[in-house]
Protein backbone atom coordinates (compact mmCIF):
# COMPACT_ATOMS: atom_id res chain seq x y z
CA MET A 1 173.55 44.55 -19.19
CA PHE A 2 170.30 42.72 -18.29
CA GLU A 3 167.00 44.44 -18.66
CA VAL A 4 163.49 43.02 -18.25
CA MET A 5 161.43 43.90 -21.27
CA CYS A 6 158.25 43.11 -23.05
CA GLY A 7 157.40 42.56 -26.70
CA MET A 8 154.88 43.92 -29.14
CA LEU A 9 152.67 41.73 -31.20
CA ARG A 10 151.26 42.55 -34.59
CA LEU A 11 149.24 40.41 -36.95
CA VAL A 12 150.19 40.75 -40.59
CA SER A 13 149.17 39.26 -43.87
CA ARG A 14 152.41 38.52 -45.81
CA GLY A 15 154.11 41.65 -44.63
CA CYS A 16 150.89 43.57 -43.92
CA ILE A 17 150.15 44.40 -40.38
CA LEU A 18 146.68 43.43 -39.18
CA ARG A 19 146.77 43.97 -35.44
CA SER A 20 148.95 46.15 -33.27
CA ILE A 21 149.32 46.33 -29.53
CA CYS A 22 152.27 48.58 -29.55
CA THR A 23 153.09 52.26 -29.97
CA ALA A 24 153.22 51.91 -33.76
CA ASN A 25 150.26 53.12 -35.81
CA PRO A 26 148.83 50.13 -37.72
CA TRP A 27 147.18 52.37 -40.27
CA LYS A 28 150.52 53.49 -41.60
CA LEU A 29 152.01 50.05 -41.49
CA GLY A 30 149.96 47.81 -43.74
CA ARG A 31 147.28 47.15 -46.29
CA LYS A 32 143.91 45.50 -45.87
CA MET A 33 143.45 41.99 -44.62
CA ASP A 34 141.39 40.14 -47.21
CA LYS A 35 140.05 37.15 -45.21
CA VAL A 36 138.01 36.31 -42.16
CA TYR A 37 139.52 33.45 -40.16
CA PHE A 38 137.27 30.91 -38.47
CA ARG A 39 138.99 28.43 -36.10
CA HIS A 40 137.16 25.49 -34.60
CA GLY A 41 138.36 22.13 -33.32
CA ASP A 42 136.18 19.07 -33.68
CA SER A 43 135.19 18.88 -30.01
CA ASP A 44 135.48 22.61 -29.25
CA PRO A 45 132.21 24.20 -27.99
CA SER A 46 133.23 27.56 -29.41
CA VAL A 47 134.54 29.08 -32.66
CA ASP A 48 137.21 31.79 -32.78
CA ILE A 49 136.73 34.48 -35.42
CA SER A 50 139.34 37.05 -36.48
CA PHE A 51 139.22 39.66 -39.21
CA ARG A 52 140.53 43.11 -39.96
CA TYR A 53 138.28 45.99 -40.87
CA ALA A 54 139.74 49.20 -42.34
CA ASN A 55 138.00 52.40 -43.39
CA SER A 56 140.24 55.13 -44.74
CA GLU A 57 137.68 57.95 -44.39
CA TYR A 58 137.34 57.35 -40.66
CA LYS A 59 140.93 56.15 -40.25
CA ILE A 60 139.69 52.91 -38.69
CA ASP A 61 142.14 50.00 -38.91
CA ARG A 62 141.79 47.28 -36.34
CA VAL A 63 141.43 43.57 -35.98
CA PHE A 64 138.27 42.23 -34.34
CA ASN A 65 138.46 39.00 -32.42
CA PHE A 66 135.36 37.07 -31.28
CA ARG A 67 134.79 33.77 -29.51
CA ARG A 68 131.24 32.49 -29.97
CA ASN A 69 129.42 29.37 -28.91
CA VAL A 70 128.86 26.98 -31.84
CA SER A 71 125.18 26.74 -30.88
CA GLU A 72 124.67 30.47 -31.36
CA LEU A 73 122.57 31.77 -34.25
CA VAL A 74 124.45 33.68 -36.89
CA GLU A 75 122.30 36.80 -36.50
CA VAL A 76 123.25 37.03 -32.79
CA PHE A 77 126.87 37.14 -33.82
CA THR A 78 126.38 39.66 -36.64
CA ASP A 79 124.39 41.93 -34.32
CA ARG A 80 127.22 41.84 -31.81
CA MET A 81 129.72 42.54 -34.58
CA ARG A 82 127.59 45.45 -35.87
CA THR A 83 127.54 46.96 -32.37
CA ASN A 84 131.35 46.72 -31.99
CA ILE A 85 131.97 48.30 -35.39
CA GLU A 86 129.50 51.10 -34.62
CA LYS A 87 131.38 51.82 -31.38
CA GLU A 88 134.64 52.05 -33.33
CA PHE A 89 133.09 54.57 -35.72
CA GLY A 90 131.75 56.53 -32.75
CA LYS A 91 135.18 56.63 -31.10
CA ARG A 92 136.86 57.96 -34.26
CA ASN A 93 134.16 60.60 -34.72
CA LYS A 94 134.62 61.81 -31.16
CA LYS A 95 138.37 62.03 -31.60
CA GLN A 96 137.93 64.05 -34.81
CA LYS A 97 135.51 66.43 -33.10
CA LYS A 98 137.77 66.88 -30.05
CA LYS A 99 140.76 67.59 -32.34
CA SER A 100 138.86 70.26 -34.22
CA ASP A 101 137.48 71.82 -31.01
CA ASP A 102 140.98 72.00 -29.54
CA SER A 103 142.39 73.65 -32.69
CA GLY A 104 139.41 76.06 -33.10
CA ASP A 105 139.15 75.06 -36.79
CA ALA A 106 135.73 74.43 -38.32
CA VAL A 107 135.77 70.85 -39.60
CA THR A 108 132.99 69.11 -41.43
CA HIS A 109 132.60 65.65 -39.99
CA SER A 110 131.45 62.73 -42.06
CA LYS A 111 128.28 61.23 -40.72
CA PRO A 112 128.91 57.67 -39.58
CA PRO A 113 127.39 55.27 -42.08
CA GLU A 114 124.68 52.81 -41.22
CA ILE A 115 126.51 49.61 -40.41
CA SER A 116 125.36 46.46 -42.21
CA VAL A 117 126.89 43.06 -41.42
CA GLN A 118 125.85 39.81 -43.04
CA LEU A 119 127.26 36.28 -43.14
CA THR A 120 126.45 34.39 -46.34
CA GLY A 121 127.09 30.95 -47.77
CA GLY A 122 126.67 30.16 -51.46
CA GLY A 123 125.33 33.71 -51.82
CA ASN A 124 122.53 33.16 -49.33
CA ASP A 125 121.97 34.86 -46.00
CA LEU A 126 122.70 32.38 -43.21
CA SER A 127 120.48 33.95 -40.56
CA GLY A 128 118.56 31.27 -38.74
CA LYS A 129 121.48 28.83 -38.84
CA THR A 130 123.98 28.13 -36.03
CA PHE A 131 127.69 28.02 -36.41
CA GLU A 132 127.41 24.28 -35.77
CA ASP A 133 125.12 23.96 -38.81
CA ILE A 134 127.53 25.94 -40.98
CA LEU A 135 130.76 24.19 -39.89
CA ALA A 136 129.14 20.76 -40.38
CA SER A 137 128.31 21.54 -44.04
CA HIS A 138 131.23 21.12 -46.38
CA ASP A 139 129.44 23.11 -49.15
CA LEU A 140 128.80 26.05 -46.85
CA ARG A 141 132.31 26.08 -45.33
CA ASN A 142 133.85 26.58 -48.78
CA THR A 143 131.50 29.46 -49.82
CA LEU A 144 131.32 31.59 -46.70
CA GLU A 145 131.59 35.40 -46.98
CA LEU A 146 131.32 38.12 -44.42
CA CYS A 147 129.83 41.33 -45.81
CA ILE A 148 130.51 44.63 -43.98
CA LEU A 149 129.14 47.83 -45.49
CA GLY A 150 129.03 46.07 -48.88
CA GLN A 151 132.60 44.89 -48.66
CA LYS A 152 132.83 41.10 -49.06
CA LEU A 153 135.51 39.17 -47.16
CA PRO A 154 135.95 35.45 -47.89
CA VAL A 155 135.96 33.19 -44.82
CA ALA A 156 138.86 30.75 -44.35
CA VAL A 157 138.01 27.90 -41.99
CA ASN A 158 140.75 26.32 -39.96
CA HIS A 159 143.63 27.84 -41.91
CA PRO A 160 147.04 27.98 -40.15
CA PHE A 161 146.96 30.71 -37.50
CA VAL A 162 149.38 32.25 -35.04
CA ASP A 163 147.62 32.78 -31.73
CA ASN A 164 150.62 34.27 -29.91
CA ILE A 165 154.35 34.83 -30.34
CA THR A 166 156.79 36.42 -27.90
CA LEU A 167 160.47 37.25 -27.83
CA PRO A 168 162.76 36.61 -24.79
CA THR A 169 163.43 39.18 -22.12
CA SER A 170 167.17 39.31 -22.80
CA ILE A 171 168.80 39.44 -26.25
CA LEU A 172 172.58 39.47 -26.38
CA ALA A 173 174.88 40.05 -29.34
CA GLY A 174 176.97 37.00 -30.09
CA PHE A 175 174.20 34.58 -29.06
CA PHE A 176 171.21 32.85 -30.60
CA VAL A 177 167.74 34.33 -30.12
CA TYR A 178 164.47 32.58 -30.97
CA PRO A 179 160.80 33.17 -30.07
CA SER A 180 160.16 32.41 -26.39
CA LYS A 181 156.73 31.17 -27.29
CA VAL A 182 154.85 30.38 -30.46
CA GLU A 183 151.23 29.32 -30.03
CA LEU A 184 149.60 27.97 -33.19
CA SER A 185 146.25 26.71 -34.39
CA PHE A 186 146.10 24.26 -37.27
CA ALA A 187 149.83 24.49 -37.89
CA THR A 188 153.10 23.19 -36.46
CA GLU A 189 156.16 25.22 -35.63
CA ALA A 190 158.30 23.08 -37.94
CA ASP A 191 156.15 24.11 -40.94
CA CYS A 192 156.25 27.83 -40.19
CA THR A 193 158.58 30.34 -41.81
CA PHE A 194 160.45 32.75 -39.56
CA ILE A 195 162.03 35.94 -40.88
CA TRP A 196 164.22 38.18 -38.72
CA TYR A 197 164.69 41.95 -39.07
CA VAL A 198 166.90 44.49 -37.31
CA GLY A 199 166.29 48.24 -37.00
CA SER A 200 166.88 51.30 -34.84
CA VAL A 201 164.27 53.72 -33.46
CA PRO A 202 164.69 57.07 -35.26
CA LYS A 203 165.04 60.40 -33.44
CA SER A 204 161.28 60.77 -33.41
CA GLY A 205 161.14 57.87 -31.03
CA LYS A 206 158.26 56.30 -32.97
CA PHE A 207 158.33 52.56 -33.40
CA SER A 208 156.18 52.96 -36.53
CA GLU A 209 159.10 54.71 -38.21
CA ILE A 210 161.73 51.98 -37.58
CA ASP A 211 163.32 51.02 -40.89
CA PHE A 212 163.67 47.29 -40.35
CA LYS A 213 166.11 45.43 -42.60
CA GLU A 214 165.88 41.70 -43.16
CA ALA A 215 168.73 39.99 -41.27
CA GLY A 216 168.08 36.29 -41.48
CA LYS A 217 165.65 33.38 -41.83
CA GLY A 218 164.99 30.33 -39.77
CA PHE A 219 163.72 29.51 -36.28
CA SER A 220 166.68 31.26 -34.62
CA TYR A 221 168.84 34.31 -35.34
CA PHE A 222 172.45 34.84 -34.25
CA ALA A 223 172.58 38.45 -33.06
CA GLN A 224 175.62 40.23 -34.50
CA PRO A 225 177.90 42.80 -32.70
CA GLU A 226 176.66 45.46 -35.11
CA ASP A 227 173.09 44.81 -33.95
CA VAL A 228 173.80 46.29 -30.50
CA GLY A 229 171.43 49.12 -29.85
CA CYS A 230 168.90 47.88 -32.44
CA HIS A 231 165.47 46.42 -32.03
CA LEU A 232 164.71 42.95 -33.25
CA LYS A 233 161.61 41.91 -35.14
CA VAL A 234 160.51 38.37 -36.04
CA GLU A 235 157.83 37.58 -38.55
CA CYS A 236 156.16 34.17 -38.37
CA ILE A 237 154.20 32.90 -41.39
CA PRO A 238 152.10 29.91 -40.39
CA ARG A 239 151.74 27.06 -42.93
CA ARG A 240 150.15 23.66 -43.24
CA HIS A 241 150.65 21.73 -46.44
CA ASP A 242 149.67 24.17 -49.23
CA LEU A 243 147.75 26.53 -46.87
CA GLU A 244 149.25 29.75 -45.57
CA GLY A 245 147.75 31.84 -42.80
CA PRO A 246 148.22 35.49 -41.85
CA ALA A 247 151.72 36.25 -40.55
CA VAL A 248 152.46 37.75 -37.15
CA GLU A 249 155.21 40.12 -36.22
CA CYS A 250 156.73 40.52 -32.76
CA ILE A 251 159.02 43.46 -32.04
CA SER A 252 161.30 43.55 -28.99
CA LYS A 253 160.69 46.68 -26.95
CA CYS A 254 164.30 46.80 -25.76
CA THR A 255 167.44 46.89 -27.81
CA ILE A 256 169.91 44.10 -28.44
CA GLN A 257 172.55 44.36 -25.76
CA ALA A 258 176.25 43.70 -25.76
CA GLY A 259 177.20 40.16 -24.80
CA PRO A 260 179.82 39.23 -22.18
CA GLY A 261 182.58 38.86 -24.72
CA GLU A 262 184.53 35.64 -25.23
CA CYS A 263 183.40 32.91 -22.86
CA PRO A 264 185.60 29.94 -21.85
CA PHE A 265 183.32 27.60 -23.75
CA ASP A 266 184.16 29.55 -26.97
CA ILE A 267 187.75 28.34 -26.50
CA ARG A 268 186.54 24.76 -25.88
CA HIS A 269 184.56 24.97 -29.10
CA SER A 270 187.83 25.05 -31.05
CA PHE A 271 188.17 21.34 -30.17
CA THR A 272 184.65 20.50 -31.42
CA ALA A 273 184.37 22.63 -34.54
CA LYS A 274 183.82 19.63 -36.83
CA PRO A 275 180.99 17.14 -36.28
CA LEU A 276 182.07 13.47 -36.10
CA SER A 277 181.05 10.72 -38.43
CA GLY A 278 181.54 7.03 -39.18
CA ASN A 279 183.05 5.07 -36.32
CA GLN A 280 183.25 8.04 -33.89
CA PHE A 281 180.64 9.99 -31.97
CA ARG A 282 180.68 12.78 -29.42
CA VAL A 283 179.05 12.69 -25.97
CA ALA A 284 178.36 15.69 -23.65
CA SER A 285 177.04 15.72 -20.11
CA TYR A 286 176.08 18.95 -18.36
CA ASN A 287 174.20 20.03 -15.23
CA LEU A 288 172.55 23.23 -16.35
CA LEU A 289 171.65 24.62 -12.87
CA ALA A 290 167.86 24.68 -12.90
CA ASP A 291 166.16 28.02 -12.62
CA LEU A 292 164.21 26.37 -9.80
CA TYR A 293 167.40 26.51 -7.68
CA ALA A 294 168.99 29.69 -9.09
CA ASP A 295 166.02 32.07 -8.94
CA SER A 296 165.65 32.67 -5.21
CA ASP A 297 166.89 35.09 -2.59
CA PHE A 298 168.81 32.28 -0.94
CA SER A 299 170.67 31.52 -4.18
CA ARG A 300 171.42 35.15 -4.87
CA GLN A 301 172.47 35.98 -1.31
CA GLU A 302 173.95 32.68 0.06
CA LEU A 303 174.87 30.24 -2.68
CA PHE A 304 176.04 32.54 -5.45
CA PRO A 305 176.44 36.05 -4.00
CA TYR A 306 179.41 36.63 -6.30
CA CYS A 307 177.30 36.30 -9.41
CA PRO A 308 175.43 39.43 -10.59
CA PRO A 309 171.65 38.89 -10.36
CA TYR A 310 171.15 39.49 -14.08
CA ALA A 311 173.62 36.70 -14.84
CA LEU A 312 171.60 34.29 -12.68
CA ASN A 313 168.42 35.08 -14.55
CA ILE A 314 167.40 32.20 -16.75
CA ASP A 315 166.76 34.38 -19.81
CA TYR A 316 170.41 35.41 -19.64
CA ARG A 317 171.82 31.99 -18.76
CA LYS A 318 169.88 30.02 -21.35
CA GLN A 319 171.44 32.05 -24.13
CA LEU A 320 174.86 30.99 -22.86
CA PHE A 321 174.22 27.33 -22.28
CA THR A 322 172.29 26.99 -25.57
CA LYS A 323 175.22 28.43 -27.54
CA GLU A 324 177.66 26.32 -25.49
CA LEU A 325 175.79 23.09 -26.17
CA LEU A 326 175.35 23.78 -29.89
CA GLY A 327 179.03 24.59 -30.26
CA TYR A 328 180.12 21.19 -28.96
CA ASN A 329 178.55 19.49 -32.02
CA ALA A 330 177.79 16.51 -29.81
CA ASP A 331 175.81 13.54 -31.09
CA ILE A 332 174.48 12.54 -27.65
CA ILE A 333 173.81 15.11 -24.95
CA CYS A 334 172.83 14.21 -21.37
CA LEU A 335 171.54 17.07 -19.24
CA GLN A 336 170.63 17.35 -15.55
CA GLU A 337 168.65 20.01 -13.70
CA VAL A 338 166.58 20.85 -16.75
CA ASP A 339 163.56 22.98 -15.91
CA SER A 340 160.41 21.56 -17.55
CA LYS A 341 159.64 24.89 -19.17
CA ILE A 342 163.23 25.24 -20.46
CA TYR A 343 163.01 21.82 -22.02
CA ASP A 344 159.65 22.53 -23.69
CA LEU A 345 160.10 26.17 -24.75
CA ASP A 346 163.83 26.36 -25.37
CA LEU A 347 165.90 23.17 -25.63
CA GLU A 348 163.47 20.89 -27.45
CA ARG A 349 162.58 23.53 -30.03
CA THR A 350 166.19 24.68 -30.57
CA PHE A 351 167.54 21.18 -31.03
CA ARG A 352 164.60 19.87 -33.10
CA VAL A 353 165.37 22.26 -35.97
CA ARG A 354 168.95 20.98 -35.95
CA HIS A 355 167.90 17.31 -36.45
CA PHE A 356 167.92 16.32 -32.79
CA GLU A 357 165.18 14.56 -30.87
CA GLY A 358 164.90 14.73 -27.10
CA ASP A 359 163.62 12.71 -24.18
CA PHE A 360 162.67 14.28 -20.84
CA LYS A 361 162.36 12.48 -17.54
CA LYS A 362 160.66 14.45 -14.78
CA LYS A 363 161.75 13.91 -11.19
CA GLY A 364 158.47 13.18 -9.42
CA GLU A 365 156.59 16.40 -8.73
CA THR A 366 159.71 18.54 -9.04
CA ALA A 367 159.61 21.10 -11.89
CA GLU A 368 163.01 19.93 -13.21
CA GLY A 369 164.41 16.69 -14.49
CA LEU A 370 166.70 14.88 -16.89
CA ALA A 371 167.01 15.28 -20.67
CA ILE A 372 168.79 13.35 -23.39
CA PHE A 373 169.17 14.67 -26.95
CA TYR A 374 170.50 12.65 -29.84
CA ASN A 375 171.39 13.44 -33.43
CA THR A 376 168.77 11.80 -35.68
CA ILE A 377 171.19 11.89 -38.60
CA ARG A 378 173.46 9.51 -36.68
CA PHE A 379 171.20 7.56 -34.34
CA LYS A 380 167.80 5.95 -34.28
CA LEU A 381 165.80 5.60 -31.08
CA VAL A 382 164.98 1.94 -30.45
CA GLY A 383 164.05 1.99 -26.76
CA ARG A 384 163.27 4.23 -23.82
CA PHE A 385 163.22 3.43 -20.08
CA GLY A 386 163.08 5.34 -16.79
CA ILE A 387 162.47 4.91 -13.10
CA ASN A 388 162.27 7.00 -9.95
CA TYR A 389 164.41 5.10 -7.44
CA GLY A 390 162.27 5.84 -4.41
CA GLU A 391 159.04 4.81 -6.08
CA GLU A 392 160.43 1.57 -7.53
CA ILE A 393 162.49 0.06 -4.73
CA PRO A 394 159.44 -1.33 -2.86
CA LYS A 395 157.75 -2.51 -6.09
CA ARG A 396 160.19 -4.25 -8.45
CA GLU A 397 161.24 -7.82 -7.94
CA ILE A 398 164.77 -7.05 -9.12
CA PHE A 399 165.15 -4.71 -6.07
CA ALA A 400 163.60 -7.14 -3.57
CA ASP A 401 166.94 -8.29 -2.07
CA ILE A 402 168.10 -4.76 -1.35
CA HIS A 403 164.66 -3.69 -0.08
CA GLU A 404 164.62 -6.66 2.33
CA LYS A 405 167.88 -5.52 3.90
CA LEU A 406 166.70 -1.92 4.35
CA LYS A 407 163.12 -2.30 5.56
CA ASP A 408 163.92 -2.64 9.23
CA ASN A 409 165.62 0.80 9.28
CA GLU A 410 162.49 2.92 8.84
CA GLU A 411 164.35 6.23 8.89
CA LEU A 412 166.70 5.08 6.20
CA LEU A 413 164.02 3.56 4.00
CA ALA A 414 161.83 6.66 4.31
CA ARG A 415 164.70 8.85 3.25
CA ILE A 416 165.27 6.73 0.14
CA VAL A 417 161.61 6.45 -0.78
CA ASP A 418 160.92 10.15 -0.32
CA ARG A 419 163.56 11.17 -2.81
CA SER A 420 162.41 12.08 -6.35
CA THR A 421 165.77 11.04 -7.86
CA ALA A 422 165.38 9.49 -11.29
CA LEU A 423 167.16 7.37 -13.88
CA GLN A 424 166.66 8.03 -17.62
CA VAL A 425 167.69 5.58 -20.32
CA VAL A 426 167.47 5.73 -24.11
CA VAL A 427 168.64 2.97 -26.45
CA LEU A 428 170.14 4.23 -29.71
CA GLN A 429 171.13 2.32 -32.83
CA SER A 430 173.87 3.76 -34.95
CA LEU A 431 172.82 4.66 -38.49
CA ASP A 432 176.44 4.65 -39.64
CA ASN A 433 177.01 1.22 -38.06
CA PRO A 434 173.63 -0.50 -37.56
CA GLU A 435 175.24 -3.44 -35.73
CA GLU A 436 176.23 -0.98 -32.96
CA VAL A 437 173.77 -0.02 -30.18
CA VAL A 438 174.45 2.36 -27.29
CA ILE A 439 172.46 2.22 -24.06
CA VAL A 440 172.67 5.78 -22.72
CA ALA A 441 171.83 6.24 -19.04
CA ASN A 442 171.48 9.62 -17.34
CA THR A 443 170.99 10.47 -13.66
CA HIS A 444 171.36 13.14 -11.00
CA LEU A 445 171.82 11.63 -7.60
CA TYR A 446 170.81 13.01 -4.19
CA PHE A 447 172.88 16.02 -3.24
CA HIS A 448 173.02 16.11 0.58
CA PRO A 449 176.51 16.14 2.15
CA ASP A 450 175.66 13.35 4.59
CA ALA A 451 174.12 11.07 1.95
CA ASP A 452 176.98 9.04 0.43
CA HIS A 453 175.09 5.93 1.53
CA ILE A 454 171.93 7.09 -0.28
CA ARG A 455 173.80 7.94 -3.49
CA LEU A 456 175.65 4.65 -3.52
CA LEU A 457 172.42 2.74 -3.01
CA GLN A 458 170.65 4.76 -5.72
CA PHE A 459 173.45 4.01 -8.13
CA GLY A 460 173.35 0.31 -7.20
CA LEU A 461 169.62 0.36 -8.07
CA ALA A 462 170.44 2.04 -11.38
CA MET A 463 173.01 -0.60 -12.37
CA THR A 464 170.66 -3.38 -11.26
CA PHE A 465 167.86 -1.93 -13.40
CA LEU A 466 170.20 -1.69 -16.37
CA GLU A 467 171.60 -5.21 -15.97
CA LYS A 468 168.39 -7.04 -15.13
CA HIS A 469 165.74 -5.11 -17.00
CA VAL A 470 167.06 -2.82 -19.77
CA MET A 471 169.76 -5.06 -21.18
CA PRO A 472 167.60 -8.17 -21.45
CA GLU A 473 164.91 -6.14 -23.21
CA VAL A 474 167.43 -4.74 -25.70
CA GLU A 475 168.94 -8.17 -26.25
CA LYS A 476 165.47 -9.56 -27.01
CA ASP A 477 164.74 -6.80 -29.55
CA LEU A 478 168.24 -6.60 -31.14
CA PRO A 479 169.93 -9.94 -30.61
CA ASN A 480 172.51 -9.45 -33.39
CA ALA A 481 173.70 -5.98 -32.33
CA ARG A 482 176.63 -5.20 -30.07
CA LYS A 483 175.47 -3.28 -27.01
CA SER A 484 177.58 -0.68 -25.21
CA LEU A 485 176.72 1.23 -22.03
CA ILE A 486 177.35 4.97 -21.57
CA PHE A 487 176.37 6.32 -18.18
CA CYS A 488 176.37 10.14 -17.74
CA GLY A 489 175.32 12.40 -14.94
CA ASP A 490 175.84 14.50 -11.91
CA PHE A 491 176.55 11.74 -9.36
CA ASN A 492 177.36 14.14 -6.50
CA SER A 493 180.11 11.71 -5.68
CA SER A 494 183.90 12.17 -5.74
CA PRO A 495 186.33 9.56 -7.10
CA ASP A 496 187.10 8.22 -3.62
CA CYS A 497 183.46 7.21 -3.08
CA GLY A 498 181.69 3.98 -3.78
CA ILE A 499 180.05 4.94 -7.10
CA TYR A 500 183.43 5.40 -8.85
CA LYS A 501 184.66 2.20 -7.27
CA LEU A 502 181.62 0.20 -8.42
CA MET A 503 182.02 1.42 -11.97
CA THR A 504 185.76 1.04 -12.33
CA GLU A 505 186.37 -2.01 -10.02
CA ASN A 506 182.95 -3.70 -10.45
CA PHE A 507 182.48 -4.31 -6.72
CA VAL A 508 181.67 -2.50 -3.47
CA PRO A 509 181.98 -4.59 -0.26
CA LYS A 510 179.32 -4.53 2.46
CA ASP A 511 181.69 -2.75 4.89
CA PHE A 512 182.56 0.16 2.51
CA LYS A 513 182.80 3.57 4.21
CA ASP A 514 179.95 5.20 2.26
CA TYR A 515 177.41 2.96 3.98
CA SER A 516 178.16 4.68 7.29
CA SER A 517 177.96 8.34 6.11
CA HIS A 518 174.96 8.90 8.45
CA PRO A 519 175.21 7.35 11.96
CA ASP A 520 171.47 6.71 12.24
CA GLN A 521 171.08 5.29 8.78
CA VAL A 522 173.89 2.81 8.46
CA ILE A 523 173.36 0.35 5.60
CA LYS A 524 174.28 -3.19 6.61
CA ASP A 525 174.98 -6.39 4.67
CA VAL A 526 174.65 -4.82 1.17
CA GLU A 527 177.37 -5.45 -1.34
CA LEU A 528 177.11 -4.20 -4.89
CA ARG A 529 178.41 -5.71 -8.10
CA GLN A 530 178.13 -4.85 -11.77
CA PRO A 531 179.55 -6.98 -14.61
CA LEU A 532 180.71 -4.41 -17.22
CA PRO A 533 184.26 -3.07 -17.70
CA MET A 534 183.70 0.67 -17.30
CA ALA A 535 185.89 3.78 -17.03
CA SER A 536 185.50 7.55 -16.80
CA ALA A 537 185.96 9.06 -20.27
CA CYS A 538 187.17 12.37 -18.90
CA GLY A 539 189.23 10.83 -16.11
CA CYS A 540 189.06 12.61 -12.75
CA PRO A 541 189.52 16.31 -13.32
CA ASP A 542 190.06 18.52 -10.29
CA PHE A 543 186.70 20.16 -10.68
CA THR A 544 183.40 19.57 -12.47
CA ASN A 545 181.53 21.70 -9.92
CA PHE A 546 183.09 24.99 -8.82
CA THR A 547 181.40 27.37 -6.36
CA ALA A 548 182.76 29.57 -3.61
CA GLY A 549 181.65 27.03 -1.02
CA PHE A 550 182.28 23.76 -2.80
CA ARG A 551 184.48 22.47 -5.63
CA ALA A 552 185.05 18.89 -6.63
CA CYS A 553 184.87 16.26 -9.36
CA ILE A 554 181.31 14.89 -9.13
CA ASP A 555 180.20 14.56 -12.80
CA TYR A 556 181.24 11.71 -15.12
CA ILE A 557 180.80 10.11 -18.48
CA PHE A 558 181.27 6.42 -17.85
CA TYR A 559 181.77 4.20 -20.92
CA GLN A 560 182.17 0.49 -21.58
CA THR A 561 185.85 -0.06 -22.26
CA ASN A 562 185.69 -3.42 -24.09
CA ASN A 563 183.55 -1.93 -26.85
CA LEU A 564 184.47 1.76 -26.87
CA SER A 565 187.62 3.85 -26.67
CA VAL A 566 188.26 7.52 -25.95
CA VAL A 567 189.51 9.51 -28.91
CA GLN A 568 189.48 13.01 -27.42
CA VAL A 569 188.51 14.75 -24.18
CA VAL A 570 187.68 18.42 -24.60
CA PRO A 571 190.02 20.31 -22.20
CA PHE A 572 188.45 21.73 -19.06
CA PRO A 573 188.57 25.47 -18.26
CA SER A 574 191.64 26.53 -16.36
CA LEU A 575 191.60 27.46 -12.66
CA GLN A 576 192.31 31.04 -13.71
CA GLU A 577 189.18 31.07 -15.92
CA LEU A 578 187.04 29.51 -13.13
CA GLU A 579 188.27 32.06 -10.58
CA ALA A 580 188.10 35.13 -12.87
CA HIS A 581 184.75 36.03 -11.27
CA ILE A 582 185.46 34.28 -7.94
CA ALA A 583 183.59 31.15 -8.93
CA ILE A 584 180.77 29.92 -11.17
CA PRO A 585 178.10 30.61 -12.29
CA SER A 586 179.22 34.00 -13.59
CA VAL A 587 178.69 36.30 -16.50
CA VAL A 588 180.56 33.82 -18.72
CA PHE A 589 179.64 30.51 -17.07
CA PRO A 590 175.90 29.76 -17.07
CA SER A 591 176.05 26.97 -14.51
CA ASP A 592 177.89 26.03 -11.32
CA HIS A 593 178.93 22.83 -13.21
CA ILE A 594 181.33 22.37 -16.14
CA ALA A 595 180.22 20.52 -19.22
CA LEU A 596 181.97 17.19 -19.89
CA VAL A 597 182.64 16.46 -23.58
CA ALA A 598 184.35 13.35 -24.96
CA ASP A 599 184.78 11.79 -28.40
CA LEU A 600 184.29 8.03 -28.40
CA ALA A 601 184.92 5.36 -31.05
CA TRP A 602 183.68 1.80 -31.40
CA GLU A 603 186.47 -0.75 -31.07
CA LYS A 604 186.77 -3.21 -33.93
CA LYS A 605 185.05 -6.51 -33.18
């Protein structure tokens, strides 16, 4: 079901292919490119130059790309260009001669022409000038032409340009697909136009003969069941204001493959088919299982041996969790174990085009972290905070009392300080009800089985930070708004532990059992309090994490009960669904955790 593949990139000019690095023959695929593209940033020491040269007599059709120093004289560049074009003519002539020798036919070969290349501005030869001189002159920039064998090509300076575009290595029917990477110059992804095509390779096996049919427009495409066995092509047309650059096509080398069928989250989506509005909003919390932890021999052989390797691959899993998250129609999404690259290349881009903005909090030097997305149609960002517990406990005055009680236990303090565990906070103002503000906290606490004491302390630091730093700052900026706390995350803590007690009972005594979870690191004389009435929106389900070796309720959406109420909790998957493939992750569950989804409403004042 899973197959590693590569893509093919072709530069086109509004449907006309300019460059090809695939098995297709570019000569048969497009017409002539009519511009030369110069690209140069203000402080860039070089200029990138791209143009297409085609000659029907010699069957030459290729794009030339040059990077030249801005201090270089124009004639040095044109000499280099002349040499490259002459080589291309020579290659074609040799191929023609070899073909005729092999066939035994007498063929008259056209003598390669004498190559002339000239760069002009305002009709004048620019020899003797540098690129720096030319690019600094507004008059010259607007009148540049490149003349090759008498053919004049106008030069476009700093027009929108696609430097690279790729498709993912797994494309499944029934799921969204979008470019894995789009690298642009003088354009933004949001301004580009994306057009999707589907087609099958004919019996000849030639990609150049695929009859692609337009299938959709937009940043992403939802692959249909009838697309199975077909190749996918995306065309990207770069734009900036009223300028349009040459388009680029990328064709997947593999076919669209059959998906896993109905997933348990498809059933859950029936409870979230309609977005909320007005007084209600939907919150989701989900540990995605970072690729950092899933892509290893240890994970495949020890942690998740029951999961097929292809289903552990991030290019497979991200299709599932992206579709799952989008289908919940949540207004606020808190994520844990988010790979930095997945946030940048997948989640942020996918949610941005759906009117979401995101915030990412990296965990120290670890290549994964926390992410919060919020619907910009419903909420406005008014504040952002974050800490790494280990870094901050020795520094902040608000933690001084706790730090004082820990400092004599060097082993304990070192274990806390060495952790990269982080807290992420965003403050959102409702656009439907501007007098309502939600303080959304997100964390993923230390995982080790013998670390209940560390987790409880980390959570105590989090609540202290919220109470003594975040809330006063929000009160200062928005004194007339009602503030409500929502705290999501993977707390790695079951309901019988101190974190749940602190949130729901507001107090953990200094002799609580969690403090003694490690005999050499016993925490003494620390009691924790927090002032807010809080509860778990989803209650205490049997499982929020479900593997062959461990299963428990360790994820929560805590909410402030005097300001908010629970309208709906999206039902959890059944035990039968979780055990269908022994445990999760599996071909239908992209993570070892289960997403928590709850609809909340503001209580009347």
